[in-house]
Structures are given as structure tokens and as C-alpha cells.
């Protein structure tokens, strides 16, 4: 499955509470994504909460765009990526 980096901007910041309500929000996104064959792997959030860099496994960038619309999430850019692990080179 192809992997993508999705950059998003949240002008007012991304505020997901670290409690059951926040878990429900995240699981709703996961469920919506699954309908299009999209898997949210993890995200990095800037300290000011205004930018996220999200790793997704998805069949196509269009599938990510569709799930973003369905989840009411912005997209700045989608970039196809692969993993470079420094431990790969150890023998």
C-alpha cells in the first residue's frame, strides 16, 4: 500500500482533548477513513497546534482527499513517501 505525508494547517489550532471525547473524535476519523481503504498511521503536531504532518497508507491521493472532505479536515499538500530507517544499515 502506498504511503503519503499529508500536511494540514489549522489557523485556530487543532484542539483534541486528551480524554474519552478526544478518543471518540479520533476513532470517528479512523472509521470514516476505513470506508475508503485509508489508514491513518500517525501524526506530528507543531507546538503551536497550527500544523500537522500526518502519515497515511492509502490506495491513492484522491482517497485521502475524499476522506479529508468526509472528516471535514483541511489538506495543504499530499506527498508520496517511503521509509528510510537508519537501523536498516546495521549488520
PDB file of N, CA and C in Angstrom:
ATOM      1  N   UNK A   1       0.851  -1.180   0.000  1.00  0.00           N
ATOM      2  CA  UNK A   1       0.000   0.000   0.000  1.00  0.00           C
ATOM      3  C   UNK A   1       0.894   1.241   0.000  1.00  0.00           C
ATOM      4  N   UNK A   2       0.636   2.177  -0.872  1.00  0.00           N
ATOM      5  CA  UNK A   2       1.427   3.415  -0.896  1.00  0.00           C
ATOM      6  C   UNK A   2       1.288   4.207   0.406  1.00  0.00           C
ATOM      7  N   UNK A   3       2.342   4.926   0.748  1.00  0.00           N
ATOM      8  CA  UNK A   3       2.367   5.756   1.958  1.00  0.00           C
ATOM      9  C   UNK A   3       2.483   7.221   1.546  1.00  0.00           C
ATOM     10  N   UNK A   4       1.814   8.093   2.308  1.00  0.00           N
ATOM     11  CA  UNK A   4       1.768   9.521   1.997  1.00  0.00           C
ATOM     12  C   UNK A   4       1.970  10.361   3.253  1.00  0.00           C
ATOM     13  N   UNK A   5       2.581  11.523   3.059  1.00  0.00           N
ATOM     14  CA  UNK A   5       2.681  12.555   4.090  1.00  0.00           C
ATOM     15  C   UNK A   5       1.653  13.626   3.736  1.00  0.00           C
ATOM     16  N   UNK A   6       0.747  13.908   4.661  1.00  0.00           N
ATOM     17  CA  UNK A   6      -0.302  14.899   4.442  1.00  0.00           C
ATOM     18  C   UNK A   6      -0.037  16.075   5.381  1.00  0.00           C
ATOM     19  N   UNK A   7       0.156  17.243   4.793  1.00  0.00           N
ATOM     20  CA  UNK A   7       0.368  18.459   5.584  1.00  0.00           C
ATOM     21  C   UNK A   7      -0.949  19.208   5.688  1.00  0.00           C
ATOM     22  N   UNK A   8      -1.270  19.655   6.905  1.00  0.00           N
ATOM     23  CA  UNK A   8      -2.513  20.384   7.151  1.00  0.00           C
ATOM     24  C   UNK A   8      -2.214  21.632   7.978  1.00  0.00           C
ATOM     25  N   UNK A   9      -3.012  22.673   7.750  1.00  0.00           N
ATOM     26  CA  UNK A   9      -2.935  23.890   8.559  1.00  0.00           C
ATOM     27  C   UNK A   9      -4.269  24.102   9.253  1.00  0.00           C
ATOM     28  N   UNK A  10      -4.195  24.355  10.551  1.00  0.00           N
ATOM     29  CA  UNK A  10      -5.363  24.678  11.366  1.00  0.00           C
ATOM     30  C   UNK A  10      -5.145  26.087  11.925  1.00  0.00           C
ATOM     31  N   UNK A  11      -5.677  27.123  11.253  1.00  0.00           N
ATOM     32  CA  UNK A  11      -5.401  28.504  11.659  1.00  0.00           C
ATOM     33  C   UNK A  11      -5.701  28.791  13.131  1.00  0.00           C
ATOM     34  N   UNK A  12      -6.731  28.158  13.682  1.00  0.00           N
ATOM     35  CA  UNK A  12      -7.088  28.378  15.090  1.00  0.00           C
ATOM     36  C   UNK A  12      -6.505  27.303  16.004  1.00  0.00           C
ATOM     37  N   UNK A  13      -5.702  26.427  15.452  1.00  0.00           N
ATOM     38  CA  UNK A  13      -5.096  25.345  16.216  1.00  0.00           C
ATOM     39  C   UNK A  13      -5.970  24.103  16.213  1.00  0.00           C
ATOM     40  N   UNK A  14      -5.341  22.972  16.355  1.00  0.00           N
ATOM     41  CA  UNK A  14      -6.033  21.684  16.431  1.00  0.00           C
ATOM     42  C   UNK A  14      -6.188  21.345  17.901  1.00  0.00           C
ATOM     43  N   UNK A  15      -7.417  21.285  18.347  1.00  0.00           N
ATOM     44  CA  UNK A  15      -7.681  21.046  19.771  1.00  0.00           C
ATOM     45  C   UNK A  15      -8.504  19.773  19.927  1.00  0.00           C
ATOM     46  N   UNK A  16      -7.817  18.683  20.229  1.00  0.00           N
ATOM     47  CA  UNK A  16      -8.468  17.408  20.502  1.00  0.00           C
ATOM     48  C   UNK A  16      -8.184  17.091  21.971  1.00  0.00           C
ATOM     49  N   UNK A  17      -9.226  17.037  22.798  1.00  0.00           N
ATOM     50  CA  UNK A  17      -8.977  16.771  24.217  1.00  0.00           C
ATOM     51  C   UNK A  17      -8.382  15.384  24.431  1.00  0.00           C
ATOM     52  N   UNK A  18      -7.523  15.279  25.433  1.00  0.00           N
ATOM     53  CA  UNK A  18      -6.904  14.001  25.764  1.00  0.00           C
ATOM     54  C   UNK A  18      -7.791  13.321  26.807  1.00  0.00           C
ATOM     55  N   UNK A  19      -8.929  12.836  26.313  1.00  0.00           N
ATOM     56  CA  UNK A  19      -9.895  12.148  27.167  1.00  0.00           C
ATOM     57  C   UNK A  19     -10.787  11.285  26.275  1.00  0.00           C
ATOM     58  N   UNK A  20     -11.849  10.757  26.827  1.00  0.00           N
ATOM     59  CA  UNK A  20     -12.740   9.876  26.064  1.00  0.00           C
ATOM     60  C   UNK A  20     -13.349  10.587  24.863  1.00  0.00           C
ATOM     61  N   UNK A  21     -13.661  11.871  25.003  1.00  0.00           N
ATOM     62  CA  UNK A  21     -14.228  12.629  23.883  1.00  0.00           C
ATOM     63  C   UNK A  21     -13.221  12.730  22.740  1.00  0.00           C
ATOM     64  N   UNK A  22     -11.957  13.008  23.067  1.00  0.00           N
ATOM     65  CA  UNK A  22     -10.912  13.067  22.049  1.00  0.00           C
ATOM     66  C   UNK A  22     -10.698  11.725  21.383  1.00  0.00           C
ATOM     67  N   UNK A  23     -10.746  10.655  22.166  1.00  0.00           N
ATOM     68  CA  UNK A  23     -10.612   9.305  21.604  1.00  0.00           C
ATOM     69  C   UNK A  23     -11.752   9.020  20.634  1.00  0.00           C
ATOM     70  N   UNK A  24     -12.975   9.452  20.989  1.00  0.00           N
ATOM     71  CA  UNK A  24     -14.123   9.255  20.097  1.00  0.00           C
ATOM     72  C   UNK A  24     -13.935  10.004  18.782  1.00  0.00           C
ATOM     73  N   UNK A  25     -13.406  11.222  18.852  1.00  0.00           N
ATOM     74  CA  UNK A  25     -13.154  12.014  17.643  1.00  0.00           C
ATOM     75  C   UNK A  25     -12.161  11.270  16.743  1.00  0.00           C
ATOM     76  N   UNK A  26     -11.067  10.799  17.324  1.00  0.00           N
ATOM     77  CA  UNK A  26     -10.051  10.092  16.539  1.00  0.00           C
ATOM     78  C   UNK A  26     -10.608   8.803  15.941  1.00  0.00           C
ATOM     79  N   UNK A  27     -11.379   8.058  16.711  1.00  0.00           N
ATOM     80  CA  UNK A  27     -11.926   6.806  16.202  1.00  0.00           C
ATOM     81  C   UNK A  27     -12.969   7.049  15.111  1.00  0.00           C
ATOM     82  N   UNK A  28     -13.659   8.170  15.169  1.00  0.00           N
ATOM     83  CA  UNK A  28     -14.590   8.533  14.095  1.00  0.00           C
ATOM     84  C   UNK A  28     -13.832   8.760  12.788  1.00  0.00           C
ATOM     85  N   UNK A  29     -12.695   9.453  12.880  1.00  0.00           N
ATOM     86  CA  UNK A  29     -11.856   9.685  11.700  1.00  0.00           C
ATOM     87  C   UNK A  29     -11.362   8.349  11.153  1.00  0.00           C
ATOM     88  N   UNK A  30     -10.886   7.472  12.029  1.00  0.00           N
ATOM     89  CA  UNK A  30     -10.392   6.162  11.611  1.00  0.00           C
ATOM     90  C   UNK A  30     -11.485   5.376  10.890  1.00  0.00           C
ATOM     91  N   UNK A  31     -12.701   5.396  11.431  1.00  0.00           N
ATOM     92  CA  UNK A  31     -13.807   4.677  10.816  1.00  0.00           C
ATOM     93  C   UNK A  31     -14.180   5.217   9.449  1.00  0.00           C
ATOM     94  N   UNK A  32     -14.217   6.541   9.329  1.00  0.00           N
ATOM     95  CA  UNK A  32     -14.521   7.163   8.040  1.00  0.00           C
ATOM     96  C   UNK A  32     -13.439   6.833   7.020  1.00  0.00           C
ATOM     97  N   UNK A  33     -12.179   6.880   7.444  1.00  0.00           N
ATOM     98  CA  UNK A  33     -11.066   6.564   6.544  1.00  0.00           C
ATOM     99  C   UNK A  33     -11.163   5.135   6.024  1.00  0.00           C
ATOM    100  N   UNK A  34     -11.522   4.209   6.905  1.00  0.00           N
ATOM    101  CA  UNK A  34     -11.560   2.790   6.544  1.00  0.00           C
ATOM    102  C   UNK A  34     -12.526   2.522   5.389  1.00  0.00           C
ATOM    103  N   UNK A  35     -13.568   3.314   5.295  1.00  0.00           N
ATOM    104  CA  UNK A  35     -14.543   3.130   4.212  1.00  0.00           C
ATOM    105  C   UNK A  35     -13.919   3.331   2.834  1.00  0.00           C
ATOM    106  N   UNK A  36     -12.819   4.097   2.775  1.00  0.00           N
ATOM    107  CA  UNK A  36     -12.128   4.352   1.506  1.00  0.00           C
ATOM    108  C   UNK A  36     -10.791   3.635   1.422  1.00  0.00           C
ATOM    109  N   UNK A  37     -10.524   2.714   2.346  1.00  0.00           N
ATOM    110  CA  UNK A  37      -9.263   1.977   2.318  1.00  0.00           C
ATOM    111  C   UNK A  37      -8.072   2.796   2.759  1.00  0.00           C
ATOM    112  N   UNK A  38      -8.324   3.825   3.574  1.00  0.00           N
ATOM    113  CA  UNK A  38      -7.273   4.737   4.036  1.00  0.00           C
ATOM    114  C   UNK A  38      -6.970   4.447   5.501  1.00  0.00           C
ATOM    115  N   UNK A  39      -5.676   4.360   5.840  1.00  0.00           N
ATOM    116  CA  UNK A  39      -5.257   4.135   7.221  1.00  0.00           C
ATOM    117  C   UNK A  39      -4.428   5.300   7.706  1.00  0.00           C
ATOM    118  N   UNK A  40      -4.872   5.924   8.791  1.00  0.00           N
ATOM    119  CA  UNK A  40      -4.120   6.988   9.454  1.00  0.00           C
ATOM    120  C   UNK A  40      -3.089   6.295  10.337  1.00  0.00           C
ATOM    121  N   UNK A  41      -1.803   6.429  10.011  1.00  0.00           N
ATOM    122  CA  UNK A  41      -0.742   5.751  10.748  1.00  0.00           C
ATOM    123  C   UNK A  41      -0.396   6.526  12.011  1.00  0.00           C
ATOM    124  N   UNK A  42      -0.051   7.800  11.860  1.00  0.00           N
ATOM    125  CA  UNK A  42       0.198   8.695  12.987  1.00  0.00           C
ATOM    126  C   UNK A  42       0.390  10.110  12.470  1.00  0.00           C
ATOM    127  N   UNK A  43       0.439  11.056  13.398  1.00  0.00           N
ATOM    128  CA  UNK A  43       0.607  12.462  13.027  1.00  0.00           C
ATOM    129  C   UNK A  43       1.613  13.136  13.943  1.00  0.00           C
ATOM    130  N   UNK A  44       2.245  14.156  13.399  1.00  0.00           N
ATOM    131  CA  UNK A  44       3.103  15.048  14.170  1.00  0.00           C
ATOM    132  C   UNK A  44       2.393  16.392  14.213  1.00  0.00           C
ATOM    133  N   UNK A  45       2.346  17.005  15.389  1.00  0.00           N
ATOM    134  CA  UNK A  45       1.650  18.280  15.575  1.00  0.00           C
ATOM    135  C   UNK A  45       2.666  19.304  16.057  1.00  0.00           C
ATOM    136  N   UNK A  46       2.680  20.473  15.417  1.00  0.00           N
ATOM    137  CA  UNK A  46       3.605  21.521  15.860  1.00  0.00           C
ATOM    138  C   UNK A  46       3.201  22.025  17.238  1.00  0.00           C
ATOM    139  N   UNK A  47       4.152  22.624  17.932  1.00  0.00           N
ATOM    140  CA  UNK A  47       3.934  23.064  19.301  1.00  0.00           C
ATOM    141  C   UNK A  47       2.789  24.077  19.416  1.00  0.00           C
ATOM    142  N   UNK A  48       2.615  24.910  18.383  1.00  0.00           N
ATOM    143  CA  UNK A  48       1.529  25.900  18.419  1.00  0.00           C
ATOM    144  C   UNK A  48       0.186  25.314  17.989  1.00  0.00           C
ATOM    145  N   UNK A  49       0.160  24.018  17.662  1.00  0.00           N
ATOM    146  CA  UNK A  49      -1.047  23.271  17.267  1.00  0.00           C
ATOM    147  C   UNK A  49      -1.649  23.715  15.935  1.00  0.00           C
ATOM    148  N   UNK A  50      -0.905  24.487  15.142  1.00  0.00           N
ATOM    149  CA  UNK A  50      -1.458  25.019  13.892  1.00  0.00           C
ATOM    150  C   UNK A  50      -1.116  24.198  12.653  1.00  0.00           C
ATOM    151  N   UNK A  51      -0.142  23.307  12.752  1.00  0.00           N
ATOM    152  CA  UNK A  51       0.236  22.466  11.604  1.00  0.00           C
ATOM    153  C   UNK A  51       0.304  21.019  12.053  1.00  0.00           C
ATOM    154  N   UNK A  52      -0.133  20.130  11.158  1.00  0.00           N
ATOM    155  CA  UNK A  52       0.076  18.705  11.384  1.00  0.00           C
ATOM    156  C   UNK A  52       0.732  18.110  10.148  1.00  0.00           C
ATOM    157  N   UNK A  53       1.509  17.076  10.386  1.00  0.00           N
ATOM    158  CA  UNK A  53       2.152  16.295   9.344  1.00  0.00           C
ATOM    159  C   UNK A  53       1.746  14.854   9.620  1.00  0.00           C
ATOM    160  N   UNK A  54       0.873  14.328   8.774  1.00  0.00           N
ATOM    161  CA  UNK A  54       0.219  13.046   9.035  1.00  0.00           C
ATOM    162  C   UNK A  54       0.700  11.991   8.046  1.00  0.00           C
ATOM    163  N   UNK A  55       0.971  10.815   8.562  1.00  0.00           N
ATOM    164  CA  UNK A  55       1.361   9.686   7.728  1.00  0.00           C
ATOM    165  C   UNK A  55       0.127   8.821   7.494  1.00  0.00           C
ATOM    166  N   UNK A  56      -0.134   8.542   6.219  1.00  0.00           N
ATOM    167  CA  UNK A  56      -1.278   7.731   5.821  1.00  0.00           C
ATOM    168  C   UNK A  56      -0.832   6.638   4.866  1.00  0.00           C
ATOM    169  N   UNK A  57      -1.469   5.485   4.976  1.00  0.00           N
ATOM    170  CA  UNK A  57      -1.391   4.455   3.955  1.00  0.00           C
ATOM    171  C   UNK A  57      -2.719   4.521   3.209  1.00  0.00           C
ATOM    172  N   UNK A  58      -2.648   4.604   1.894  1.00  0.00           N
ATOM    173  CA  UNK A  58      -3.866   4.778   1.093  1.00  0.00           C
ATOM    174  C   UNK A  58      -3.620   4.309  -0.328  1.00  0.00           C
ATOM    175  N   UNK A  59      -4.690   3.897  -1.005  1.00  0.00           N
ATOM    176  CA  UNK A  59      -4.514   3.460  -2.392  1.00  0.00           C
ATOM    177  C   UNK A  59      -4.104   4.601  -3.323  1.00  0.00           C
ATOM    178  N   UNK A  60      -4.618   5.809  -3.071  1.00  0.00           N
ATOM    179  CA  UNK A  60      -4.318   6.959  -3.938  1.00  0.00           C
ATOM    180  C   UNK A  60      -4.431   8.256  -3.136  1.00  0.00           C
ATOM    181  N   UNK A  61      -3.815   9.332  -3.633  1.00  0.00           N
ATOM    182  CA  UNK A  61      -4.039  10.641  -3.006  1.00  0.00           C
ATOM    183  C   UNK A  61      -5.516  11.045  -3.022  1.00  0.00           C
ATOM    184  N   UNK A  62      -6.237  10.677  -4.081  1.00  0.00           N
ATOM    185  CA  UNK A  62      -7.662  11.013  -4.152  1.00  0.00           C
ATOM    186  C   UNK A  62      -8.453  10.365  -3.022  1.00  0.00           C
ATOM    187  N   UNK A  63      -8.079   9.169  -2.617  1.00  0.00           N
ATOM    188  CA  UNK A  63      -8.755   8.516  -1.489  1.00  0.00           C
ATOM    189  C   UNK A  63      -8.537   9.326  -0.211  1.00  0.00           C
ATOM    190  N   UNK A  64      -7.343   9.883  -0.044  1.00  0.00           N
ATOM    191  CA  UNK A  64      -7.062  10.732   1.121  1.00  0.00           C
ATOM    192  C   UNK A  64      -7.888  12.011   1.046  1.00  0.00           C
ATOM    193  N   UNK A  65      -7.959  12.608  -0.135  1.00  0.00           N
ATOM    194  CA  UNK A  65      -8.777  13.825  -0.296  1.00  0.00           C
ATOM    195  C   UNK A  65     -10.246  13.552   0.045  1.00  0.00           C
ATOM    196  N   UNK A  66     -10.756  12.412  -0.413  1.00  0.00           N
ATOM    197  CA  UNK A  66     -12.147  12.050  -0.140  1.00  0.00           C
ATOM    198  C   UNK A  66     -12.390  11.918   1.366  1.00  0.00           C
ATOM    199  N   UNK A  67     -11.490  11.223   2.060  1.00  0.00           N
ATOM    200  CA  UNK A  67     -11.686  11.061   3.498  1.00  0.00           C
ATOM    201  C   UNK A  67     -11.523  12.381   4.234  1.00  0.00           C
ATOM    202  N   UNK A  68     -10.639  13.242   3.760  1.00  0.00           N
ATOM    203  CA  UNK A  68     -10.491  14.559   4.384  1.00  0.00           C
ATOM    204  C   UNK A  68     -11.788  15.350   4.271  1.00  0.00           C
ATOM    205  N   UNK A  69     -12.401  15.330   3.084  1.00  0.00           N
ATOM    206  CA  UNK A  69     -13.700  16.010   2.912  1.00  0.00           C
ATOM    207  C   UNK A  69     -14.735  15.423   3.860  1.00  0.00           C
ATOM    208  N   UNK A  70     -14.792  14.100   3.926  1.00  0.00           N
ATOM    209  CA  UNK A  70     -15.779  13.434   4.780  1.00  0.00           C
ATOM    210  C   UNK A  70     -15.537  13.683   6.266  1.00  0.00           C
ATOM    211  N   UNK A  71     -14.281  13.911   6.632  1.00  0.00           N
ATOM    212  CA  UNK A  71     -13.934  14.201   8.032  1.00  0.00           C
ATOM    213  C   UNK A  71     -13.857  15.698   8.315  1.00  0.00           C
ATOM    214  N   UNK A  72     -14.136  16.520   7.294  1.00  0.00           N
ATOM    215  CA  UNK A  72     -14.072  17.980   7.429  1.00  0.00           C
ATOM    216  C   UNK A  72     -12.680  18.441   7.881  1.00  0.00           C
ATOM    217  N   UNK A  73     -11.652  17.884   7.231  1.00  0.00           N
ATOM    218  CA  UNK A  73     -10.264  18.225   7.541  1.00  0.00           C
ATOM    219  C   UNK A  73      -9.609  18.915   6.354  1.00  0.00           C
ATOM    220  N   UNK A  74      -8.766  19.914   6.612  1.00  0.00           N
ATOM    221  CA  UNK A  74      -8.060  20.599   5.522  1.00  0.00           C
ATOM    222  C   UNK A  74      -6.895  19.754   5.001  1.00  0.00           C
ATOM    223  N   UNK A  75      -6.466  20.052   3.790  1.00  0.00           N
ATOM    224  CA  UNK A  75      -5.243  19.474   3.224  1.00  0.00           C
ATOM    225  C   UNK A  75      -4.474  20.594   2.540  1.00  0.00           C
ATOM    226  N   UNK A  76      -3.204  20.763   2.921  1.00  0.00           N
ATOM    227  CA  UNK A  76      -2.310  21.696   2.231  1.00  0.00           C
ATOM    228  C   UNK A  76      -1.586  20.987   1.098  1.00  0.00           C
ATOM    229  N   UNK A  77      -1.095  19.784   1.410  1.00  0.00           N
ATOM    230  CA  UNK A  77      -0.365  19.026   0.388  1.00  0.00           C
ATOM    231  C   UNK A  77      -0.366  17.548   0.749  1.00  0.00           C
ATOM    232  N   UNK A  78      -0.194  16.737  -0.290  1.00  0.00           N
ATOM    233  CA  UNK A  78      -0.049  15.288  -0.142  1.00  0.00           C
ATOM    234  C   UNK A  78       1.198  14.894  -0.922  1.00  0.00           C
ATOM    235  N   UNK A  79       2.122  14.210  -0.250  1.00  0.00           N
ATOM    236  CA  UNK A  79       3.377  13.802  -0.874  1.00  0.00           C
ATOM    237  C   UNK A  79       3.580  12.309  -0.681  1.00  0.00           C
ATOM    238  N   UNK A  80       3.830  11.599  -1.771  1.00  0.00           N
ATOM    239  CA  UNK A  80       4.165  10.176  -1.663  1.00  0.00           C
ATOM    240  C   UNK A  80       5.532  10.055  -0.994  1.00  0.00           C
ATOM    241  N   UNK A  81       5.645   9.147  -0.009  1.00  0.00           N
ATOM    242  CA  UNK A  81       6.896   8.979   0.728  1.00  0.00           C
ATOM    243  C   UNK A  81       7.191   7.492   0.920  1.00  0.00           C
ATOM    244  N   UNK A  82       8.418   7.213   1.316  1.00  0.00           N
ATOM    245  CA  UNK A  82       8.797   5.865   1.729  1.00  0.00           C
ATOM    246  C   UNK A  82       9.623   6.000   2.999  1.00  0.00           C
ATOM    247  N   UNK A  83       9.821   4.904   3.683  1.00  0.00           N
ATOM    248  CA  UNK A  83      10.527   4.910   4.962  1.00  0.00           C
ATOM    249  C   UNK A  83      12.026   4.780   4.723  1.00  0.00           C
ATOM    250  N   UNK A  84      12.784   5.609   5.398  1.00  0.00           N
ATOM    251  CA  UNK A  84      14.241   5.472   5.461  1.00  0.00           C
ATOM    252  C   UNK A  84      14.573   5.302   6.935  1.00  0.00           C
ATOM    253  N   UNK A  85      14.990   4.125   7.294  1.00  0.00           N
ATOM    254  CA  UNK A  85      15.281   3.795   8.689  1.00  0.00           C
ATOM    255  C   UNK A  85      16.792   3.675   8.852  1.00  0.00           C
ATOM    256  N   UNK A  86      17.415   4.460   9.734  1.00  0.00           N
ATOM    257  CA  UNK A  86      18.870   4.399   9.852  1.00  0.00           C
ATOM    258  C   UNK A  86      19.356   3.050  10.349  1.00  0.00           C
ATOM    259  N   UNK A  87      18.521   2.283  11.022  1.00  0.00           N
ATOM    260  CA  UNK A  87      18.934   0.987  11.528  1.00  0.00           C
ATOM    261  C   UNK A  87      18.960  -0.088  10.446  1.00  0.00           C
ATOM    262  N   UNK A  88      18.395   0.234   9.298  1.00  0.00           N
ATOM    263  CA  UNK A  88      18.420  -0.674   8.148  1.00  0.00           C
ATOM    264  C   UNK A  88      19.870  -1.016   7.773  1.00  0.00           C
ATOM    265  N   UNK A  89      20.779  -0.060   7.973  1.00  0.00           N
ATOM    266  CA  UNK A  89      22.147  -0.215   7.501  1.00  0.00           C
ATOM    267  C   UNK A  89      23.050  -0.978   8.480  1.00  0.00           C
ATOM    268  N   UNK A  90      22.512  -1.369   9.607  1.00  0.00           N
ATOM    269  CA  UNK A  90      23.326  -2.131  10.570  1.00  0.00           C
ATOM    270  C   UNK A  90      23.334  -3.600  10.210  1.00  0.00           C
ATOM    271  N   UNK A  91      24.460  -4.214  10.379  1.00  0.00           N
ATOM    272  CA  UNK A  91      24.586  -5.622  10.022  1.00  0.00           C
ATOM    273  C   UNK A  91      24.481  -6.578  11.158  1.00  0.00           C
TER     274      UNK A  91
END
